PDB file of N, CA and C in Angstrom:
ATOM      1  N   UNK A   1     101.753 142.223 149.017  1.00  0.00           N
ATOM      2  CA  UNK A   1     101.705 141.460 147.790  1.00  0.00           C
ATOM      3  C   UNK A   1     100.327 140.860 147.593  1.00  0.00           C
ATOM      4  N   UNK A   2      99.904 140.860 146.384  1.00  0.00           N
ATOM      5  CA  UNK A   2      98.597 140.288 146.065  1.00  0.00           C
ATOM      6  C   UNK A   2      98.686 138.782 145.947  1.00  0.00           C
ATOM      7  N   UNK A   3      97.619 138.092 146.354  1.00  0.00           N
ATOM      8  CA  UNK A   3      97.553 136.635 146.201  1.00  0.00           C
ATOM      9  C   UNK A   3      97.376 136.324 144.720  1.00  0.00           C
ATOM     10  N   UNK A   4      97.967 135.210 144.254  1.00  0.00           N
ATOM     11  CA  UNK A   4      97.824 134.855 142.830  1.00  0.00           C
ATOM     12  C   UNK A   4      96.352 134.672 142.471  1.00  0.00           C
ATOM     13  N   UNK A   5      96.053 135.071 141.280  1.00  0.00           N
ATOM     14  CA  UNK A   5      94.705 134.927 140.745  1.00  0.00           C
ATOM     15  C   UNK A   5      94.346 133.436 140.699  1.00  0.00           C
ATOM     16  N   UNK A   6      93.202 133.010 141.278  1.00  0.00           N
ATOM     17  CA  UNK A   6      92.850 131.582 141.270  1.00  0.00           C
ATOM     18  C   UNK A   6      92.670 131.027 139.857  1.00  0.00           C
ATOM     19  N   UNK A   7      92.216 131.847 138.943  1.00  0.00           N
ATOM     20  CA  UNK A   7      92.058 131.375 137.563  1.00  0.00           C
ATOM     21  C   UNK A   7      93.417 131.125 136.926  1.00  0.00           C
ATOM     22  N   UNK A   8      94.369 132.006 137.219  1.00  0.00           N
ATOM     23  CA  UNK A   8      95.716 131.828 136.684  1.00  0.00           C
ATOM     24  C   UNK A   8      96.362 130.572 137.255  1.00  0.00           C
ATOM     25  N   UNK A   9      96.153 130.349 138.538  1.00  0.00           N
ATOM     26  CA  UNK A   9      96.692 129.150 139.187  1.00  0.00           C
ATOM     27  C   UNK A   9      96.107 127.890 138.554  1.00  0.00           C
ATOM     28  N   UNK A  10      94.807 127.900 138.302  1.00  0.00           N
ATOM     29  CA  UNK A  10      94.137 126.757 137.664  1.00  0.00           C
ATOM     30  C   UNK A  10      94.671 126.560 136.246  1.00  0.00           C
ATOM     31  N   UNK A  11      94.864 127.678 135.541  1.00  0.00           N
ATOM     32  CA  UNK A  11      95.421 127.623 134.195  1.00  0.00           C
ATOM     33  C   UNK A  11      96.797 126.956 134.218  1.00  0.00           C
ATOM     34  N   UNK A  12      97.640 127.336 135.178  1.00  0.00           N
ATOM     35  CA  UNK A  12      98.973 126.758 135.293  1.00  0.00           C
ATOM     36  C   UNK A  12      98.904 125.247 135.573  1.00  0.00           C
ATOM     37  N   UNK A  13      97.955 124.844 136.417  1.00  0.00           N
ATOM     38  CA  UNK A  13      97.790 123.420 136.715  1.00  0.00           C
ATOM     39  C   UNK A  13      97.387 122.647 135.459  1.00  0.00           C
ATOM     40  N   UNK A  14      96.424 123.199 134.728  1.00  0.00           N
ATOM     41  CA  UNK A  14      95.967 122.533 133.507  1.00  0.00           C
ATOM     42  C   UNK A  14      97.074 122.473 132.466  1.00  0.00           C
ATOM     43  N   UNK A  15      97.820 123.573 132.346  1.00  0.00           N
ATOM     44  CA  UNK A  15      98.932 123.603 131.402  1.00  0.00           C
ATOM     45  C   UNK A  15      99.979 122.552 131.765  1.00  0.00           C
ATOM     46  N   UNK A  16     100.240 122.403 133.034  1.00  0.00           N
ATOM     47  CA  UNK A  16     101.184 121.394 133.503  1.00  0.00           C
ATOM     48  C   UNK A  16     100.683 119.984 133.175  1.00  0.00           C
ATOM     49  N   UNK A  17      99.405 119.743 133.363  1.00  0.00           N
ATOM     50  CA  UNK A  17      98.831 118.432 133.042  1.00  0.00           C
ATOM     51  C   UNK A  17      98.925 118.146 131.551  1.00  0.00           C
ATOM     52  N   UNK A  18      98.694 119.170 130.739  1.00  0.00           N
ATOM     53  CA  UNK A  18      98.787 119.000 129.283  1.00  0.00           C
ATOM     54  C   UNK A  18     100.225 118.663 128.892  1.00  0.00           C
ATOM     55  N   UNK A  19     101.193 119.356 129.474  1.00  0.00           N
ATOM     56  CA  UNK A  19     102.602 119.080 129.170  1.00  0.00           C
ATOM     57  C   UNK A  19     102.980 117.656 129.565  1.00  0.00           C
ATOM     58  N   UNK A  20     102.539 117.220 130.731  1.00  0.00           N
ATOM     59  CA  UNK A  20     102.821 115.849 131.173  1.00  0.00           C
ATOM     60  C   UNK A  20     102.176 114.843 130.221  1.00  0.00           C
ATOM     61  N   UNK A  21     100.941 115.133 129.813  1.00  0.00           N
ATOM     62  CA  UNK A  21     100.259 114.251 128.872  1.00  0.00           C
ATOM     63  C   UNK A  21     100.994 114.163 127.544  1.00  0.00           C
ATOM     64  N   UNK A  22     101.483 115.294 127.067  1.00  0.00           N
ATOM     65  CA  UNK A  22     102.230 115.302 125.815  1.00  0.00           C
ATOM     66  C   UNK A  22     103.521 114.495 125.924  1.00  0.00           C
ATOM     67  N   UNK A  23     104.206 114.639 127.041  1.00  0.00           N
ATOM     68  CA  UNK A  23     105.431 113.853 127.245  1.00  0.00           C
ATOM     69  C   UNK A  23     105.134 112.363 127.242  1.00  0.00           C
ATOM     70  N   UNK A  24     104.049 111.963 127.909  1.00  0.00           N
ATOM     71  CA  UNK A  24     103.660 110.546 127.928  1.00  0.00           C
ATOM     72  C   UNK A  24     103.302 110.062 126.532  1.00  0.00           C
ATOM     73  N   UNK A  25     102.577 110.895 125.775  1.00  0.00           N
ATOM     74  CA  UNK A  25     102.191 110.507 124.412  1.00  0.00           C
ATOM     75  C   UNK A  25     103.409 110.393 123.497  1.00  0.00           C
ATOM     76  N   UNK A  26     104.368 111.299 123.652  1.00  0.00           N
ATOM     77  CA  UNK A  26     105.586 111.212 122.839  1.00  0.00           C
ATOM     78  C   UNK A  26     106.343 109.924 123.132  1.00  0.00           C
ATOM     79  N   UNK A  27     106.457 109.585 124.410  1.00  0.00           N
ATOM     80  CA  UNK A  27     107.147 108.351 124.783  1.00  0.00           C
ATOM     81  C   UNK A  27     106.407 107.131 124.249  1.00  0.00           C
ATOM     82  N   UNK A  28     105.091 107.137 124.373  1.00  0.00           N
ATOM     83  CA  UNK A  28     104.291 106.022 123.865  1.00  0.00           C
ATOM     84  C   UNK A  28     104.450 105.900 122.352  1.00  0.00           C
ATOM     85  N   UNK A  29     104.482 107.029 121.670  1.00  0.00           N
ATOM     86  CA  UNK A  29     104.664 107.036 120.223  1.00  0.00           C
ATOM     87  C   UNK A  29     106.012 106.437 119.845  1.00  0.00           C
ATOM     88  N   UNK A  30     107.069 106.820 120.585  1.00  0.00           N
ATOM     89  CA  UNK A  30     108.396 106.238 120.318  1.00  0.00           C
ATOM     90  C   UNK A  30     108.389 104.730 120.550  1.00  0.00           C
ATOM     91  N   UNK A  31     107.743 104.308 121.630  1.00  0.00           N
ATOM     92  CA  UNK A  31     107.667 102.885 121.951  1.00  0.00           C
ATOM     93  C   UNK A  31     106.933 102.124 120.847  1.00  0.00           C
ATOM     94  N   UNK A  32     105.810 102.663 120.391  1.00  0.00           N
ATOM     95  CA  UNK A  32     105.036 101.998 119.337  1.00  0.00           C
ATOM     96  C   UNK A  32     105.779 101.992 118.005  1.00  0.00           C
ATOM     97  N   UNK A  33     106.485 103.069 117.707  1.00  0.00           N
ATOM     98  CA  UNK A  33     107.257 103.114 116.462  1.00  0.00           C
ATOM     99  C   UNK A  33     108.345 102.043 116.479  1.00  0.00           C
ATOM    100  N   UNK A  34     109.007 101.882 117.611  1.00  0.00           N
ATOM    101  CA  UNK A  34     110.037 100.845 117.730  1.00  0.00           C
ATOM    102  C   UNK A  34     109.424  99.447 117.609  1.00  0.00           C
ATOM    103  N   UNK A  35     108.282  99.250 118.241  1.00  0.00           N
ATOM    104  CA  UNK A  35     107.607  97.963 118.135  1.00  0.00           C
ATOM    105  C   UNK A  35     107.201  97.683 116.691  1.00  0.00           C
ATOM    106  N   UNK A  36     106.713  98.690 115.985  1.00  0.00           N
ATOM    107  CA  UNK A  36     106.356  98.524 114.574  1.00  0.00           C
ATOM    108  C   UNK A  36     107.571  98.132 113.740  1.00  0.00           C
ATOM    109  N   UNK A  37     108.720  98.773 114.015  1.00  0.00           N
ATOM    110  CA  UNK A  37     109.939  98.418 113.278  1.00  0.00           C
ATOM    111  C   UNK A  37     110.331  96.965 113.525  1.00  0.00           C
ATOM    112  N   UNK A  38     110.263  96.539 114.798  1.00  0.00           N
ATOM    113  CA  UNK A  38     110.604  95.144 115.115  1.00  0.00           C
ATOM    114  C   UNK A  38     109.654  94.175 114.424  1.00  0.00           C
ATOM    115  N   UNK A  39     108.354  94.492 114.436  1.00  0.00           N
ATOM    116  CA  UNK A  39     107.377  93.605 113.806  1.00  0.00           C
ATOM    117  C   UNK A  39     107.560  93.562 112.291  1.00  0.00           C
ATOM    118  N   UNK A  40     107.854  94.712 111.686  1.00  0.00           N
ATOM    119  CA  UNK A  40     108.098  94.740 110.245  1.00  0.00           C
ATOM    120  C   UNK A  40     109.308  93.882 109.899  1.00  0.00           C
ATOM    121  N   UNK A  41     110.368  94.011 110.703  1.00  0.00           N
ATOM    122  CA  UNK A  41     111.565  93.197 110.476  1.00  0.00           C
ATOM    123  C   UNK A  41     111.254  91.710 110.613  1.00  0.00           C
ATOM    124  N   UNK A  42     110.458  91.361 111.610  1.00  0.00           N
ATOM    125  CA  UNK A  42     110.090  89.960 111.815  1.00  0.00           C
ATOM    126  C   UNK A  42     109.264  89.433 110.650  1.00  0.00           C
ATOM    127  N   UNK A  43     108.325  90.235 110.153  1.00  0.00           N
ATOM    128  CA  UNK A  43     107.508  89.819 109.002  1.00  0.00           C
ATOM    129  C   UNK A  43     108.400  89.607 107.789  1.00  0.00           C
ATOM    130  N   UNK A  44     109.309  90.542 107.542  1.00  0.00           N
ATOM    131  CA  UNK A  44     110.211  90.392 106.397  1.00  0.00           C
ATOM    132  C   UNK A  44     111.062  89.138 106.534  1.00  0.00           C
ATOM    133  N   UNK A  45     111.524  88.869 107.739  1.00  0.00           N
ATOM    134  CA  UNK A  45     112.331  87.671 107.982  1.00  0.00           C
ATOM    135  C   UNK A  45     111.507  86.412 107.734  1.00  0.00           C
ATOM    136  N   UNK A  46     110.273  86.394 108.223  1.00  0.00           N
ATOM    137  CA  UNK A  46     109.407  85.224 108.041  1.00  0.00           C
ATOM    138  C   UNK A  46     109.067  85.024 106.566  1.00  0.00           C
ATOM    139  N   UNK A  47     108.824  86.117 105.852  1.00  0.00           N
ATOM    140  CA  UNK A  47     108.522  86.003 104.424  1.00  0.00           C
ATOM    141  C   UNK A  47     109.723  85.458 103.662  1.00  0.00           C
ATOM    142  N   UNK A  48     110.898  85.903 104.035  1.00  0.00           N
ATOM    143  CA  UNK A  48     112.108  85.422 103.351  1.00  0.00           C
ATOM    144  C   UNK A  48     112.344  83.940 103.621  1.00  0.00           C
ATOM    145  N   UNK A  49     112.018  83.493 104.832  1.00  0.00           N
ATOM    146  CA  UNK A  49     112.230  82.085 105.195  1.00  0.00           C
ATOM    147  C   UNK A  49     111.183  81.163 104.597  1.00  0.00           C
ATOM    148  N   UNK A  50     109.953  81.661 104.446  1.00  0.00           N
ATOM    149  CA  UNK A  50     108.862  80.763 104.082  1.00  0.00           C
ATOM    150  C   UNK A  50     108.808  80.413 102.605  1.00  0.00           C
ATOM    151  N   UNK A  51     109.233  81.271 101.740  1.00  0.00           N
ATOM    152  CA  UNK A  51     109.183  80.957 100.322  1.00  0.00           C
ATOM    153  C   UNK A  51     107.768  81.013  99.786  1.00  0.00           C
ATOM    154  N   UNK A  52     106.937  80.060 100.174  1.00  0.00           N
ATOM    155  CA  UNK A  52     105.527  80.085  99.788  1.00  0.00           C
ATOM    156  C   UNK A  52     104.681  79.515 100.916  1.00  0.00           C
ATOM    157  N   UNK A  53     103.372  79.660 100.784  1.00  0.00           N
ATOM    158  CA  UNK A  53     102.459  79.238 101.856  1.00  0.00           C
ATOM    159  C   UNK A  53     102.493  77.723 102.062  1.00  0.00           C
ATOM    160  N   UNK A  54     102.693  76.970 100.985  1.00  0.00           N
ATOM    161  CA  UNK A  54     102.627  75.521 101.079  1.00  0.00           C
ATOM    162  C   UNK A  54     103.820  74.924 101.822  1.00  0.00           C
ATOM    163  N   UNK A  55     104.945  75.613 101.807  1.00  0.00           N
ATOM    164  CA  UNK A  55     106.106  75.082 102.502  1.00  0.00           C
ATOM    165  C   UNK A  55     105.953  75.168 104.023  1.00  0.00           C
ATOM    166  N   UNK A  56     105.041  76.003 104.502  1.00  0.00           N
ATOM    167  CA  UNK A  56     104.835  76.130 105.945  1.00  0.00           C
ATOM    168  C   UNK A  56     103.786  75.155 106.467  1.00  0.00           C
ATOM    169  N   UNK A  57     103.061  74.488 105.567  1.00  0.00           N
ATOM    170  CA  UNK A  57     102.009  73.563 105.981  1.00  0.00           C
ATOM    171  C   UNK A  57     102.580  72.193 106.303  1.00  0.00           C
ATOM    172  N   UNK A  58     101.978  71.559 107.272  1.00  0.00           N
ATOM    173  CA  UNK A  58     102.327  70.184 107.578  1.00  0.00           C
ATOM    174  C   UNK A  58     101.675  69.246 106.569  1.00  0.00           C
ATOM    175  N   UNK A  59     102.073  67.989 106.597  1.00  0.00           N
ATOM    176  CA  UNK A  59     101.560  67.016 105.623  1.00  0.00           C
ATOM    177  C   UNK A  59     100.047  66.867 105.707  1.00  0.00           C
ATOM    178  N   UNK A  60      99.503  66.764 106.921  1.00  0.00           N
ATOM    179  CA  UNK A  60      98.050  66.594 107.061  1.00  0.00           C
ATOM    180  C   UNK A  60      97.296  67.831 106.570  1.00  0.00           C
ATOM    181  N   UNK A  61      97.864  69.011 106.789  1.00  0.00           N
ATOM    182  CA  UNK A  61      97.228  70.233 106.288  1.00  0.00           C
ATOM    183  C   UNK A  61      97.252  70.280 104.768  1.00  0.00           C
ATOM    184  N   UNK A  62      98.348  69.824 104.171  1.00  0.00           N
ATOM    185  CA  UNK A  62      98.427  69.783 102.699  1.00  0.00           C
ATOM    186  C   UNK A  62      97.382  68.834 102.124  1.00  0.00           C
ATOM    187  N   UNK A  63      97.223  67.677 102.758  1.00  0.00           N
ATOM    188  CA  UNK A  63      96.235  66.700 102.284  1.00  0.00           C
ATOM    189  C   UNK A  63      94.831  67.289 102.397  1.00  0.00           C
ATOM    190  N   UNK A  64      94.530  67.923 103.527  1.00  0.00           N
ATOM    191  CA  UNK A  64      93.212  68.526 103.718  1.00  0.00           C
ATOM    192  C   UNK A  64      92.975  69.629 102.696  1.00  0.00           C
ATOM    193  N   UNK A  65      93.974  70.452 102.442  1.00  0.00           N
ATOM    194  CA  UNK A  65      93.840  71.522 101.456  1.00  0.00           C
ATOM    195  C   UNK A  65      93.644  70.941 100.062  1.00  0.00           C
ATOM    196  N   UNK A  66      94.366  69.884  99.765  1.00  0.00           N
ATOM    197  CA  UNK A  66      94.215  69.257  98.446  1.00  0.00           C
ATOM    198  C   UNK A  66      92.796  68.730  98.251  1.00  0.00           C
ATOM    199  N   UNK A  67      92.223  68.121  99.307  1.00  0.00           N
ATOM    200  CA  UNK A  67      90.836  67.618  99.203  1.00  0.00           C
ATOM    201  C   UNK A  67      89.855  68.767  99.012  1.00  0.00           C
ATOM    202  N   UNK A  68      90.080  69.867  99.702  1.00  0.00           N
ATOM    203  CA  UNK A  68      89.197  71.026  99.529  1.00  0.00           C
ATOM    204  C   UNK A  68      89.282  71.567  98.103  1.00  0.00           C
ATOM    205  N   UNK A  69      90.491  71.658  97.587  1.00  0.00           N
ATOM    206  CA  UNK A  69      90.672  72.157  96.225  1.00  0.00           C
ATOM    207  C   UNK A  69      90.052  71.204  95.218  1.00  0.00           C
ATOM    208  N   UNK A  70      90.263  69.909  95.416  1.00  0.00           N
ATOM    209  CA  UNK A  70      89.641  68.920  94.521  1.00  0.00           C
ATOM    210  C   UNK A  70      88.120  69.041  94.542  1.00  0.00           C
ATOM    211  N   UNK A  71      87.556  69.245  95.736  1.00  0.00           N
ATOM    212  CA  UNK A  71      86.106  69.410  95.845  1.00  0.00           C
ATOM    213  C   UNK A  71      85.619  70.655  95.113  1.00  0.00           C
ATOM    214  N   UNK A  72      86.354  71.740  95.225  1.00  0.00           N
ATOM    215  CA  UNK A  72      85.975  72.967  94.516  1.00  0.00           C
ATOM    216  C   UNK A  72      86.074  72.788  93.005  1.00  0.00           C
ATOM    217  N   UNK A  73      87.109  72.111  92.563  1.00  0.00           N
ATOM    218  CA  UNK A  73      87.255  71.860  91.121  1.00  0.00           C
ATOM    219  C   UNK A  73      86.092  71.009  90.618  1.00  0.00           C
ATOM    220  N   UNK A  74      85.704  69.994  91.390  1.00  0.00           N
ATOM    221  CA  UNK A  74      84.570  69.145  90.990  1.00  0.00           C
ATOM    222  C   UNK A  74      83.285  69.968  90.907  1.00  0.00           C
ATOM    223  N   UNK A  75      83.054  70.870  91.859  1.00  0.00           N
ATOM    224  CA  UNK A  75      81.870  71.732  91.812  1.00  0.00           C
ATOM    225  C   UNK A  75      81.871  72.624  90.590  1.00  0.00           C
ATOM    226  N   UNK A  76      83.041  73.181  90.274  1.00  0.00           N
ATOM    227  CA  UNK A  76      83.147  74.051  89.099  1.00  0.00           C
ATOM    228  C   UNK A  76      82.880  73.249  87.836  1.00  0.00           C
ATOM    229  N   UNK A  77      83.440  72.035  87.773  1.00  0.00           N
ATOM    230  CA  UNK A  77      83.210  71.172  86.592  1.00  0.00           C
ATOM    231  C   UNK A  77      81.711  70.874  86.432  1.00  0.00           C
ATOM    232  N   UNK A  78      81.055  70.522  87.551  1.00  0.00           N
ATOM    233  CA  UNK A  78      79.620  70.227  87.459  1.00  0.00           C
ATOM    234  C   UNK A  78      78.837  71.457  87.006  1.00  0.00           C
ATOM    235  N   UNK A  79      79.221  72.603  87.510  1.00  0.00           N
ATOM    236  CA  UNK A  79      78.541  73.830  87.140  1.00  0.00           C
ATOM    237  C   UNK A  79      78.722  74.142  85.647  1.00  0.00           C
ATOM    238  N   UNK A  80      79.935  73.937  85.153  1.00  0.00           N
ATOM    239  CA  UNK A  80      80.206  74.224  83.746  1.00  0.00           C
ATOM    240  C   UNK A  80      79.536  73.210  82.820  1.00  0.00           C
ATOM    241  N   UNK A  81      79.393  71.971  83.285  1.00  0.00           N
ATOM    242  CA  UNK A  81      78.760  70.934  82.470  1.00  0.00           C
ATOM    243  C   UNK A  81      77.241  71.100  82.451  1.00  0.00           C
ATOM    244  N   UNK A  82      76.682  71.629  83.531  1.00  0.00           N
ATOM    245  CA  UNK A  82      75.235  71.707  83.652  1.00  0.00           C
ATOM    246  C   UNK A  82      74.715  72.967  83.130  1.00  0.00           C
TER     247      UNK A  82
END
């Protein structure tokens, strides 16, 4: 019997590595797809609960935001007057 061709043996090894890599990538893809579904569901849930951005802010954050908005309005007024 002839010994297997070394190139054929190497080809088989590489083919096996490619198959293993593909299996790992398929599993990773399934894992990421499931994670994406969970995150999408969580985002939808958070959006449904929050109503608007201002309802999620604390009192001090609302006051700070109001001062920033007031400052921007004053700048716009000065710009339009000048």
